[in-house]
ModelCIF file with pLDDT and N, C-alpha, C, O atoms, coordinates in Angstrom:
data_MODEL
#
_entry.id   MODEL 
#
_entity.id                         1 
_entity.type                       polymer 
_entity.pdbx_number_of_molecules   1 
#
_entity_poly.entity_id                      1 
_entity_poly.type                           'polypeptide(L)' 
_entity_poly.nstd_linkage                   no 
_entity_poly.nstd_monomer                   no 
_entity_poly.pdbx_seq_one_letter_code       
;(UNK)(UNK)(UNK)(UNK)(UNK)(UNK)(UNK)(UNK)(UNK)(UNK)(UNK)(UNK)(UNK)(UNK)(UNK)(UNK)
(UNK)(UNK)(UNK)(UNK)(UNK)(UNK)(UNK)(UNK)(UNK)(UNK)(UNK)(UNK)(UNK)(UNK)(UNK)(UNK)
(UNK)(UNK)(UNK)(UNK)(UNK)(UNK)(UNK)(UNK)(UNK)(UNK)(UNK)(UNK)(UNK)(UNK)
;
_entity_poly.pdbx_seq_one_letter_code_can   XXXXXXXXXXXXXXXXXXXXXXXXXXXXXXXXXXXXXXXXXXXXXX 
_entity_poly.pdbx_strand_id                 A 
#
loop_
_entity_poly_seq.entity_id 
_entity_poly_seq.num 
_entity_poly_seq.mon_id 
_entity_poly_seq.hetero 
1 1  UNK n 
1 2  UNK n 
1 3  UNK n 
1 4  UNK n 
1 5  UNK n 
1 6  UNK n 
1 7  UNK n 
1 8  UNK n 
1 9  UNK n 
1 10 UNK n 
1 11 UNK n 
1 12 UNK n 
1 13 UNK n 
1 14 UNK n 
1 15 UNK n 
1 16 UNK n 
1 17 UNK n 
1 18 UNK n 
1 19 UNK n 
1 20 UNK n 
1 21 UNK n 
1 22 UNK n 
1 23 UNK n 
1 24 UNK n 
1 25 UNK n 
1 26 UNK n 
1 27 UNK n 
1 28 UNK n 
1 29 UNK n 
1 30 UNK n 
1 31 UNK n 
1 32 UNK n 
1 33 UNK n 
1 34 UNK n 
1 35 UNK n 
1 36 UNK n 
1 37 UNK n 
1 38 UNK n 
1 39 UNK n 
1 40 UNK n 
1 41 UNK n 
1 42 UNK n 
1 43 UNK n 
1 44 UNK n 
1 45 UNK n 
1 46 UNK n 
#
_struct_asym.id          A 
_struct_asym.entity_id   1 
#
loop_
_ma_qa_metric.id 
_ma_qa_metric.mode 
_ma_qa_metric.name 
_ma_qa_metric.software_group_id 
_ma_qa_metric.type 
1 global pLDDT . pLDDT 
2 local  pLDDT . pLDDT 
#
_ma_qa_metric_global.metric_id      1 
_ma_qa_metric_global.metric_value   92.33 
_ma_qa_metric_global.model_id       1 
_ma_qa_metric_global.ordinal_id     1 
#
loop_
_ma_qa_metric_local.label_asym_id 
_ma_qa_metric_local.label_comp_id 
_ma_qa_metric_local.label_seq_id 
_ma_qa_metric_local.metric_id 
_ma_qa_metric_local.metric_value 
_ma_qa_metric_local.model_id 
_ma_qa_metric_local.ordinal_id 
A UNK 1  2 72.00 1 1  
A UNK 2  2 78.00 1 2  
A UNK 3  2 84.00 1 3  
A UNK 4  2 88.00 1 4  
A UNK 5  2 89.00 1 5  
A UNK 6  2 91.00 1 6  
A UNK 7  2 92.00 1 7  
A UNK 8  2 94.00 1 8  
A UNK 9  2 93.00 1 9  
A UNK 10 2 94.00 1 10 
A UNK 11 2 92.00 1 11 
A UNK 12 2 91.00 1 12 
A UNK 13 2 92.00 1 13 
A UNK 14 2 92.00 1 14 
A UNK 15 2 90.00 1 15 
A UNK 16 2 93.00 1 16 
A UNK 17 2 93.00 1 17 
A UNK 18 2 95.00 1 18 
A UNK 19 2 95.00 1 19 
A UNK 20 2 95.00 1 20 
A UNK 21 2 96.00 1 21 
A UNK 22 2 96.00 1 22 
A UNK 23 2 96.00 1 23 
A UNK 24 2 96.00 1 24 
A UNK 25 2 96.00 1 25 
A UNK 26 2 96.00 1 26 
A UNK 27 2 96.00 1 27 
A UNK 28 2 96.00 1 28 
A UNK 29 2 96.00 1 29 
A UNK 30 2 96.00 1 30 
A UNK 31 2 96.00 1 31 
A UNK 32 2 96.00 1 32 
A UNK 33 2 96.00 1 33 
A UNK 34 2 94.00 1 34 
A UNK 35 2 93.00 1 35 
A UNK 36 2 92.00 1 36 
A UNK 37 2 93.00 1 37 
A UNK 38 2 92.00 1 38 
A UNK 39 2 94.00 1 39 
A UNK 40 2 94.00 1 40 
A UNK 41 2 93.00 1 41 
A UNK 42 2 89.00 1 42 
A UNK 43 2 89.00 1 43 
A UNK 44 2 91.00 1 44 
A UNK 45 2 91.00 1 45 
A UNK 46 2 91.00 1 46 
#
loop_
_atom_site.group_PDB 
_atom_site.id 
_atom_site.type_symbol 
_atom_site.label_atom_id 
_atom_site.label_alt_id 
_atom_site.label_comp_id 
_atom_site.label_asym_id 
_atom_site.label_entity_id 
_atom_site.label_seq_id 
_atom_site.pdbx_PDB_ins_code 
_atom_site.Cartn_x 
_atom_site.Cartn_y 
_atom_site.Cartn_z 
_atom_site.occupancy 
_atom_site.B_iso_or_equiv 
_atom_site.pdbx_formal_charge 
_atom_site.auth_seq_id 
_atom_site.auth_comp_id 
_atom_site.auth_asym_id 
_atom_site.auth_atom_id 
_atom_site.pdbx_PDB_model_num 
ATOM 1   N N  . UNK A 1 1  ? 10.753  8.485   6.019  1.00 72.00 ? 1  UNK A N  1 
ATOM 2   C CA . UNK A 1 1  ? 10.511  7.255   6.752  1.00 72.00 ? 1  UNK A CA 1 
ATOM 3   C C  . UNK A 1 1  ? 9.084   6.756   6.571  1.00 72.00 ? 1  UNK A C  1 
ATOM 4   O O  . UNK A 1 1  ? 8.808   5.576   6.783  1.00 72.00 ? 1  UNK A O  1 
ATOM 5   N N  . UNK A 1 2  ? 8.180   7.640   6.182  1.00 78.00 ? 2  UNK A N  1 
ATOM 6   C CA . UNK A 1 2  ? 6.815   7.230   5.874  1.00 78.00 ? 2  UNK A CA 1 
ATOM 7   C C  . UNK A 1 2  ? 6.654   6.822   4.423  1.00 78.00 ? 2  UNK A C  1 
ATOM 8   O O  . UNK A 1 2  ? 5.704   6.121   4.076  1.00 78.00 ? 2  UNK A O  1 
ATOM 9   N N  . UNK A 1 3  ? 7.569   7.252   3.575  1.00 84.00 ? 3  UNK A N  1 
ATOM 10  C CA . UNK A 1 3  ? 7.401   7.038   2.141  1.00 84.00 ? 3  UNK A CA 1 
ATOM 11  C C  . UNK A 1 3  ? 6.542   8.104   1.494  1.00 84.00 ? 3  UNK A C  1 
ATOM 12  O O  . UNK A 1 3  ? 6.293   8.052   0.290  1.00 84.00 ? 3  UNK A O  1 
ATOM 13  N N  . UNK A 1 4  ? 6.085   9.072   2.277  1.00 88.00 ? 4  UNK A N  1 
ATOM 14  C CA . UNK A 1 4  ? 5.240   10.151  1.769  1.00 88.00 ? 4  UNK A CA 1 
ATOM 15  C C  . UNK A 1 4  ? 4.991   11.156  2.880  1.00 88.00 ? 4  UNK A C  1 
ATOM 16  O O  . UNK A 1 4  ? 5.652   11.117  3.918  1.00 88.00 ? 4  UNK A O  1 
ATOM 17  N N  . UNK A 1 5  ? 4.031   12.065  2.662  1.00 89.00 ? 5  UNK A N  1 
ATOM 18  C CA . UNK A 1 5  ? 3.712   13.066  3.675  1.00 89.00 ? 5  UNK A CA 1 
ATOM 19  C C  . UNK A 1 5  ? 2.624   12.597  4.634  1.00 89.00 ? 5  UNK A C  1 
ATOM 20  O O  . UNK A 1 5  ? 2.573   13.042  5.780  1.00 89.00 ? 5  UNK A O  1 
ATOM 21  N N  . UNK A 1 6  ? 1.767   11.715  4.181  1.00 91.00 ? 6  UNK A N  1 
ATOM 22  C CA . UNK A 1 6  ? 0.711   11.140  5.016  1.00 91.00 ? 6  UNK A CA 1 
ATOM 23  C C  . UNK A 1 6  ? 0.241   9.861   4.347  1.00 91.00 ? 6  UNK A C  1 
ATOM 24  O O  . UNK A 1 6  ? 0.447   9.661   3.150  1.00 91.00 ? 6  UNK A O  1 
ATOM 25  N N  . UNK A 1 7  ? -0.390  9.001   5.128  1.00 92.00 ? 7  UNK A N  1 
ATOM 26  C CA . UNK A 1 7  ? -0.876  7.752   4.548  1.00 92.00 ? 7  UNK A CA 1 
ATOM 27  C C  . UNK A 1 7  ? -2.095  7.255   5.304  1.00 92.00 ? 7  UNK A C  1 
ATOM 28  O O  . UNK A 1 7  ? -2.311  7.574   6.473  1.00 92.00 ? 7  UNK A O  1 
ATOM 29  N N  . UNK A 1 8  ? -2.879  6.464   4.593  1.00 94.00 ? 8  UNK A N  1 
ATOM 30  C CA . UNK A 1 8  ? -3.999  5.750   5.188  1.00 94.00 ? 8  UNK A CA 1 
ATOM 31  C C  . UNK A 1 8  ? -3.599  4.291   5.293  1.00 94.00 ? 8  UNK A C  1 
ATOM 32  O O  . UNK A 1 8  ? -3.263  3.658   4.293  1.00 94.00 ? 8  UNK A O  1 
ATOM 33  N N  . UNK A 1 9  ? -3.635  3.761   6.502  1.00 93.00 ? 9  UNK A N  1 
ATOM 34  C CA . UNK A 1 9  ? -3.316  2.353   6.734  1.00 93.00 ? 9  UNK A CA 1 
ATOM 35  C C  . UNK A 1 9  ? -4.619  1.621   7.052  1.00 93.00 ? 9  UNK A C  1 
ATOM 36  O O  . UNK A 1 9  ? -5.418  2.089   7.864  1.00 93.00 ? 9  UNK A O  1 
ATOM 37  N N  . UNK A 1 10 ? -4.825  0.480   6.412  1.00 94.00 ? 10 UNK A N  1 
ATOM 38  C CA . UNK A 1 10 ? -6.079  -0.254  6.588  1.00 94.00 ? 10 UNK A CA 1 
ATOM 39  C C  . UNK A 1 10 ? -5.819  -1.745  6.525  1.00 94.00 ? 10 UNK A C  1 
ATOM 40  O O  . UNK A 1 10 ? -4.882  -2.198  5.868  1.00 94.00 ? 10 UNK A O  1 
ATOM 41  N N  . UNK A 1 11 ? -6.666  -2.512  7.224  1.00 92.00 ? 11 UNK A N  1 
ATOM 42  C CA . UNK A 1 11 ? -6.567  -3.968  7.148  1.00 92.00 ? 11 UNK A CA 1 
ATOM 43  C C  . UNK A 1 11 ? -7.630  -4.561  6.235  1.00 92.00 ? 11 UNK A C  1 
ATOM 44  O O  . UNK A 1 11 ? -7.767  -5.781  6.145  1.00 92.00 ? 11 UNK A O  1 
ATOM 45  N N  . UNK A 1 12 ? -8.388  -3.692  5.554  1.00 91.00 ? 12 UNK A N  1 
ATOM 46  C CA . UNK A 1 12 ? -9.322  -4.090  4.504  1.00 91.00 ? 12 UNK A CA 1 
ATOM 47  C C  . UNK A 1 12 ? -9.160  -3.111  3.345  1.00 91.00 ? 12 UNK A C  1 
ATOM 48  O O  . UNK A 1 12 ? -8.656  -2.009  3.561  1.00 91.00 ? 12 UNK A O  1 
ATOM 49  N N  . UNK A 1 13 ? -9.566  -3.465  2.127  1.00 92.00 ? 13 UNK A N  1 
ATOM 50  C CA . UNK A 1 13 ? -9.431  -2.534  1.002  1.00 92.00 ? 13 UNK A CA 1 
ATOM 51  C C  . UNK A 1 13 ? -10.053 -1.179  1.331  1.00 92.00 ? 13 UNK A C  1 
ATOM 52  O O  . UNK A 1 13 ? -11.213 -1.129  1.740  1.00 92.00 ? 13 UNK A O  1 
ATOM 53  N N  . UNK A 1 14 ? -9.315  -0.076  1.165  1.00 92.00 ? 14 UNK A N  1 
ATOM 54  C CA . UNK A 1 14 ? -9.786  1.238   1.622  1.00 92.00 ? 14 UNK A CA 1 
ATOM 55  C C  . UNK A 1 14 ? -10.817 1.899   0.719  1.00 92.00 ? 14 UNK A C  1 
ATOM 56  O O  . UNK A 1 14 ? -11.353 2.946   1.080  1.00 92.00 ? 14 UNK A O  1 
ATOM 57  N N  . UNK A 1 15 ? -11.113 1.328   -0.438 1.00 90.00 ? 15 UNK A N  1 
ATOM 58  C CA . UNK A 1 15 ? -12.080 1.945   -1.328 1.00 90.00 ? 15 UNK A CA 1 
ATOM 59  C C  . UNK A 1 15 ? -11.466 3.037   -2.187 1.00 90.00 ? 15 UNK A C  1 
ATOM 60  O O  . UNK A 1 15 ? -10.249 3.217   -2.198 1.00 90.00 ? 15 UNK A O  1 
ATOM 61  N N  . UNK A 1 16 ? -12.309 3.761   -2.905 1.00 93.00 ? 16 UNK A N  1 
ATOM 62  C CA . UNK A 1 16 ? -11.837 4.762   -3.871 1.00 93.00 ? 16 UNK A CA 1 
ATOM 63  C C  . UNK A 1 16 ? -11.706 6.158   -3.300 1.00 93.00 ? 16 UNK A C  1 
ATOM 64  O O  . UNK A 1 16 ? -11.046 7.001   -3.907 1.00 93.00 ? 16 UNK A O  1 
ATOM 65  N N  . UNK A 1 17 ? -12.316 6.436   -2.144 1.00 93.00 ? 17 UNK A N  1 
ATOM 66  C CA . UNK A 1 17 ? -12.330 7.800   -1.611 1.00 93.00 ? 17 UNK A CA 1 
ATOM 67  C C  . UNK A 1 17 ? -10.937 8.378   -1.409 1.00 93.00 ? 17 UNK A C  1 
ATOM 68  O O  . UNK A 1 17 ? -10.712 9.512   -1.832 1.00 93.00 ? 17 UNK A O  1 
ATOM 69  N N  . UNK A 1 18 ? -9.979  7.674   -0.788 1.00 95.00 ? 18 UNK A N  1 
ATOM 70  C CA . UNK A 1 18 ? -8.655  8.279   -0.580 1.00 95.00 ? 18 UNK A CA 1 
ATOM 71  C C  . UNK A 1 18 ? -7.972  8.691   -1.879 1.00 95.00 ? 18 UNK A C  1 
ATOM 72  O O  . UNK A 1 18 ? -7.349  9.751   -1.943 1.00 95.00 ? 18 UNK A O  1 
ATOM 73  N N  . UNK A 1 19 ? -8.084  7.862   -2.910 1.00 95.00 ? 19 UNK A N  1 
ATOM 74  C CA . UNK A 1 19 ? -7.447  8.183   -4.186 1.00 95.00 ? 19 UNK A CA 1 
ATOM 75  C C  . UNK A 1 19 ? -8.173  9.338   -4.874 1.00 95.00 ? 19 UNK A C  1 
ATOM 76  O O  . UNK A 1 19 ? -7.531  10.247  -5.401 1.00 95.00 ? 19 UNK A O  1 
ATOM 77  N N  . UNK A 1 20 ? -9.499  9.308   -4.872 1.00 95.00 ? 20 UNK A N  1 
ATOM 78  C CA . UNK A 1 20 ? -10.262 10.381  -5.508 1.00 95.00 ? 20 UNK A CA 1 
ATOM 79  C C  . UNK A 1 20 ? -10.011 11.716  -4.818 1.00 95.00 ? 20 UNK A C  1 
ATOM 80  O O  . UNK A 1 20 ? -9.912  12.749  -5.481 1.00 95.00 ? 20 UNK A O  1 
ATOM 81  N N  . UNK A 1 21 ? -9.909  11.701  -3.506 1.00 96.00 ? 21 UNK A N  1 
ATOM 82  C CA . UNK A 1 21 ? -9.651  12.934  -2.760 1.00 96.00 ? 21 UNK A CA 1 
ATOM 83  C C  . UNK A 1 21 ? -8.244  13.447  -3.051 1.00 96.00 ? 21 UNK A C  1 
ATOM 84  O O  . UNK A 1 21 ? -8.043  14.656  -3.165 1.00 96.00 ? 21 UNK A O  1 
ATOM 85  N N  . UNK A 1 22 ? -7.273  12.551  -3.172 1.00 96.00 ? 22 UNK A N  1 
ATOM 86  C CA . UNK A 1 22 ? -5.911  12.964  -3.518 1.00 96.00 ? 22 UNK A CA 1 
ATOM 87  C C  . UNK A 1 22 ? -5.875  13.578  -4.918 1.00 96.00 ? 22 UNK A C  1 
ATOM 88  O O  . UNK A 1 22 ? -5.183  14.571  -5.139 1.00 96.00 ? 22 UNK A O  1 
ATOM 89  N N  . UNK A 1 23 ? -6.603  13.003  -5.849 1.00 96.00 ? 23 UNK A N  1 
ATOM 90  C CA . UNK A 1 23 ? -6.660  13.557  -7.207 1.00 96.00 ? 23 UNK A CA 1 
ATOM 91  C C  . UNK A 1 23 ? -7.319  14.927  -7.204 1.00 96.00 ? 23 UNK A C  1 
ATOM 92  O O  . UNK A 1 23 ? -6.871  15.835  -7.904 1.00 96.00 ? 23 UNK A O  1 
ATOM 93  N N  . UNK A 1 24 ? -8.366  15.081  -6.430 1.00 96.00 ? 24 UNK A N  1 
ATOM 94  C CA . UNK A 1 24 ? -9.064  16.365  -6.362 1.00 96.00 ? 24 UNK A CA 1 
ATOM 95  C C  . UNK A 1 24 ? -8.160  17.470  -5.820 1.00 96.00 ? 24 UNK A C  1 
ATOM 96  O O  . UNK A 1 24 ? -8.235  18.614  -6.269 1.00 96.00 ? 24 UNK A O  1 
ATOM 97  N N  . UNK A 1 25 ? -7.309  17.129  -4.858 1.00 96.00 ? 25 UNK A N  1 
ATOM 98  C CA . UNK A 1 25 ? -6.432  18.117  -4.222 1.00 96.00 ? 25 UNK A CA 1 
ATOM 99  C C  . UNK A 1 25 ? -5.097  18.265  -4.938 1.00 96.00 ? 25 UNK A C  1 
ATOM 100 O O  . UNK A 1 25 ? -4.257  19.063  -4.521 1.00 96.00 ? 25 UNK A O  1 
ATOM 101 N N  . UNK A 1 26 ? -4.892  17.508  -6.005 1.00 96.00 ? 26 UNK A N  1 
ATOM 102 C CA . UNK A 1 26 ? -3.649  17.628  -6.761 1.00 96.00 ? 26 UNK A CA 1 
ATOM 103 C C  . UNK A 1 26 ? -2.450  17.005  -6.072 1.00 96.00 ? 26 UNK A C  1 
ATOM 104 O O  . UNK A 1 26 ? -1.320  17.448  -6.280 1.00 96.00 ? 26 UNK A O  1 
ATOM 105 N N  . UNK A 1 27 ? -2.673  15.985  -5.254 1.00 96.00 ? 27 UNK A N  1 
ATOM 106 C CA . UNK A 1 27 ? -1.585  15.330  -4.542 1.00 96.00 ? 27 UNK A CA 1 
ATOM 107 C C  . UNK A 1 27 ? -1.080  14.120  -5.327 1.00 96.00 ? 27 UNK A C  1 
ATOM 108 O O  . UNK A 1 27 ? -1.849  13.431  -5.997 1.00 96.00 ? 27 UNK A O  1 
ATOM 109 N N  . UNK A 1 28 ? 0.222   13.877  -5.229 1.00 96.00 ? 28 UNK A N  1 
ATOM 110 C CA . UNK A 1 28 ? 0.768   12.629  -5.740 1.00 96.00 ? 28 UNK A CA 1 
ATOM 111 C C  . UNK A 1 28 ? 0.334   11.499  -4.821 1.00 96.00 ? 28 UNK A C  1 
ATOM 112 O O  . UNK A 1 28 ? 0.252   11.682  -3.606 1.00 96.00 ? 28 UNK A O  1 
ATOM 113 N N  . UNK A 1 29 ? 0.062   10.355  -5.380 1.00 96.00 ? 29 UNK A N  1 
ATOM 114 C CA . UNK A 1 29 ? -0.440  9.265   -4.551 1.00 96.00 ? 29 UNK A CA 1 
ATOM 115 C C  . UNK A 1 29 ? -0.024  7.920   -5.137 1.00 96.00 ? 29 UNK A C  1 
ATOM 116 O O  . UNK A 1 29 ? 0.222   7.801   -6.337 1.00 96.00 ? 29 UNK A O  1 
ATOM 117 N N  . UNK A 1 30 ? 0.048   6.921   -4.282 1.00 96.00 ? 30 UNK A N  1 
ATOM 118 C CA . UNK A 1 30 ? 0.341   5.561   -4.693 1.00 96.00 ? 30 UNK A CA 1 
ATOM 119 C C  . UNK A 1 30 ? -0.186  4.621   -3.618 1.00 96.00 ? 30 UNK A C  1 
ATOM 120 O O  . UNK A 1 30 ? -0.651  5.067   -2.569 1.00 96.00 ? 30 UNK A O  1 
ATOM 121 N N  . UNK A 1 31 ? -0.114  3.319   -3.882 1.00 96.00 ? 31 UNK A N  1 
ATOM 122 C CA . UNK A 1 31 ? -0.634  2.334   -2.946 1.00 96.00 ? 31 UNK A CA 1 
ATOM 123 C C  . UNK A 1 31 ? 0.357   1.190   -2.776 1.00 96.00 ? 31 UNK A C  1 
ATOM 124 O O  . UNK A 1 31 ? 1.144   0.895   -3.675 1.00 96.00 ? 31 UNK A O  1 
ATOM 125 N N  . UNK A 1 32 ? 0.309   0.558   -1.621 1.00 96.00 ? 32 UNK A N  1 
ATOM 126 C CA . UNK A 1 32 ? 1.094   -0.645  -1.362 1.00 96.00 ? 32 UNK A CA 1 
ATOM 127 C C  . UNK A 1 32 ? 0.227   -1.639  -0.616 1.00 96.00 ? 32 UNK A C  1 
ATOM 128 O O  . UNK A 1 32 ? -0.742  -1.269  0.047  1.00 96.00 ? 32 UNK A O  1 
ATOM 129 N N  . UNK A 1 33 ? 0.593   -2.912  -0.733 1.00 96.00 ? 33 UNK A N  1 
ATOM 130 C CA . UNK A 1 33 ? -0.061  -3.976  0.029  1.00 96.00 ? 33 UNK A CA 1 
ATOM 131 C C  . UNK A 1 33 ? 1.030   -4.868  0.610  1.00 96.00 ? 33 UNK A C  1 
ATOM 132 O O  . UNK A 1 33 ? 1.966   -5.254  -0.089 1.00 96.00 ? 33 UNK A O  1 
ATOM 133 N N  . UNK A 1 34 ? 0.904   -5.190  1.887  1.00 94.00 ? 34 UNK A N  1 
ATOM 134 C CA . UNK A 1 34 ? 1.929   -5.961  2.596  1.00 94.00 ? 34 UNK A CA 1 
ATOM 135 C C  . UNK A 1 34 ? 1.288   -7.151  3.285  1.00 94.00 ? 34 UNK A C  1 
ATOM 136 O O  . UNK A 1 34 ? 0.213   -7.033  3.874  1.00 94.00 ? 34 UNK A O  1 
ATOM 137 N N  . UNK A 1 35 ? 1.955   -8.308  3.209  1.00 93.00 ? 35 UNK A N  1 
ATOM 138 C CA . UNK A 1 35 ? 1.413   -9.510  3.841  1.00 93.00 ? 35 UNK A CA 1 
ATOM 139 C C  . UNK A 1 35 ? 2.535   -10.529 4.015  1.00 93.00 ? 35 UNK A C  1 
ATOM 140 O O  . UNK A 1 35 ? 3.528   -10.485 3.290  1.00 93.00 ? 35 UNK A O  1 
ATOM 141 N N  . UNK A 1 36 ? 2.383   -11.447 4.971  1.00 92.00 ? 36 UNK A N  1 
ATOM 142 C CA . UNK A 1 36 ? 3.384   -12.502 5.153  1.00 92.00 ? 36 UNK A CA 1 
ATOM 143 C C  . UNK A 1 36 ? 3.110   -13.676 4.220  1.00 92.00 ? 36 UNK A C  1 
ATOM 144 O O  . UNK A 1 36 ? 1.955   -14.024 3.974  1.00 92.00 ? 36 UNK A O  1 
ATOM 145 N N  . UNK A 1 37 ? 4.161   -14.276 3.708  1.00 93.00 ? 37 UNK A N  1 
ATOM 146 C CA . UNK A 1 37 ? 4.011   -15.459 2.860  1.00 93.00 ? 37 UNK A CA 1 
ATOM 147 C C  . UNK A 1 37 ? 5.361   -16.160 2.769  1.00 93.00 ? 37 UNK A C  1 
ATOM 148 O O  . UNK A 1 37 ? 6.397   -15.598 3.124  1.00 93.00 ? 37 UNK A O  1 
ATOM 149 N N  . UNK A 1 38 ? 5.326   -17.394 2.287  1.00 92.00 ? 38 UNK A N  1 
ATOM 150 C CA . UNK A 1 38 ? 6.542   -18.170 2.110  1.00 92.00 ? 38 UNK A CA 1 
ATOM 151 C C  . UNK A 1 38 ? 7.161   -17.864 0.748  1.00 92.00 ? 38 UNK A C  1 
ATOM 152 O O  . UNK A 1 38 ? 6.455   -17.720 -0.250 1.00 92.00 ? 38 UNK A O  1 
ATOM 153 N N  . UNK A 1 39 ? 8.489   -17.767 0.724  1.00 94.00 ? 39 UNK A N  1 
ATOM 154 C CA . UNK A 1 39 ? 9.243   -17.671 -0.525 1.00 94.00 ? 39 UNK A CA 1 
ATOM 155 C C  . UNK A 1 39 ? 10.026  -18.968 -0.707 1.00 94.00 ? 39 UNK A C  1 
ATOM 156 O O  . UNK A 1 39 ? 10.471  -19.588 0.258  1.00 94.00 ? 39 UNK A O  1 
ATOM 157 N N  . UNK A 1 40 ? 10.180  -19.353 -1.950 1.00 94.00 ? 40 UNK A N  1 
ATOM 158 C CA . UNK A 1 40 ? 10.921  -20.586 -2.228 1.00 94.00 ? 40 UNK A CA 1 
ATOM 159 C C  . UNK A 1 40 ? 11.936  -20.334 -3.324 1.00 94.00 ? 40 UNK A C  1 
ATOM 160 O O  . UNK A 1 40 ? 11.609  -19.815 -4.392 1.00 94.00 ? 40 UNK A O  1 
ATOM 161 N N  . UNK A 1 41 ? 13.174  -20.710 -3.042 1.00 93.00 ? 41 UNK A N  1 
ATOM 162 C CA . UNK A 1 41 ? 14.253  -20.667 -4.031 1.00 93.00 ? 41 UNK A CA 1 
ATOM 163 C C  . UNK A 1 41 ? 14.883  -22.060 -4.030 1.00 93.00 ? 41 UNK A C  1 
ATOM 164 O O  . UNK A 1 41 ? 15.546  -22.452 -3.070 1.00 93.00 ? 41 UNK A O  1 
ATOM 165 N N  . UNK A 1 42 ? 14.665  -22.798 -5.116 1.00 89.00 ? 42 UNK A N  1 
ATOM 166 C CA . UNK A 1 42 ? 15.140  -24.181 -5.146 1.00 89.00 ? 42 UNK A CA 1 
ATOM 167 C C  . UNK A 1 42 ? 14.408  -25.000 -4.106 1.00 89.00 ? 42 UNK A C  1 
ATOM 168 O O  . UNK A 1 42 ? 13.183  -25.105 -4.149 1.00 89.00 ? 42 UNK A O  1 
ATOM 169 N N  . UNK A 1 43 ? 15.139  -25.580 -3.174 1.00 89.00 ? 43 UNK A N  1 
ATOM 170 C CA . UNK A 1 43 ? 14.537  -26.373 -2.100 1.00 89.00 ? 43 UNK A CA 1 
ATOM 171 C C  . UNK A 1 43 ? 14.428  -25.599 -0.796 1.00 89.00 ? 43 UNK A C  1 
ATOM 172 O O  . UNK A 1 43 ? 13.964  -26.137 0.209  1.00 89.00 ? 43 UNK A O  1 
ATOM 173 N N  . UNK A 1 44 ? 14.853  -24.337 -0.805 1.00 91.00 ? 44 UNK A N  1 
ATOM 174 C CA . UNK A 1 44 ? 14.833  -23.544 0.428  1.00 91.00 ? 44 UNK A CA 1 
ATOM 175 C C  . UNK A 1 44 ? 13.534  -22.753 0.535  1.00 91.00 ? 44 UNK A C  1 
ATOM 176 O O  . UNK A 1 44 ? 13.076  -22.145 -0.433 1.00 91.00 ? 44 UNK A O  1 
ATOM 177 N N  . UNK A 1 45 ? 12.946  -22.774 1.744  1.00 91.00 ? 45 UNK A N  1 
ATOM 178 C CA . UNK A 1 45 ? 11.726  -22.031 2.040  1.00 91.00 ? 45 UNK A CA 1 
ATOM 179 C C  . UNK A 1 45 ? 11.997  -21.052 3.176  1.00 91.00 ? 45 UNK A C  1 
ATOM 180 O O  . UNK A 1 45 ? 12.771  -21.341 4.089  1.00 91.00 ? 45 UNK A O  1 
ATOM 181 N N  . UNK A 1 46 ? 11.346  -19.883 3.107  1.00 91.00 ? 46 UNK A N  1 
ATOM 182 C CA . UNK A 1 46 ? 11.547  -18.885 4.160  1.00 91.00 ? 46 UNK A CA 1 
ATOM 183 C C  . UNK A 1 46 ? 10.290  -18.029 4.264  1.00 91.00 ? 46 UNK A C  1 
ATOM 184 O O  . UNK A 1 46 ? 10.230  -17.118 5.089  1.00 91.00 ? 46 UNK A O  1 
#
């Protein structure tokens, strides 16, 4: 349900430390970014 074993959540770019620390400890790691925006398909907006 978390998508992993632990995560850092931030409202500003978290910098390089979390990724570098994950690499040092031999952990698998990835990043995501989430935000609200409008989508448009043809004339429909949502």
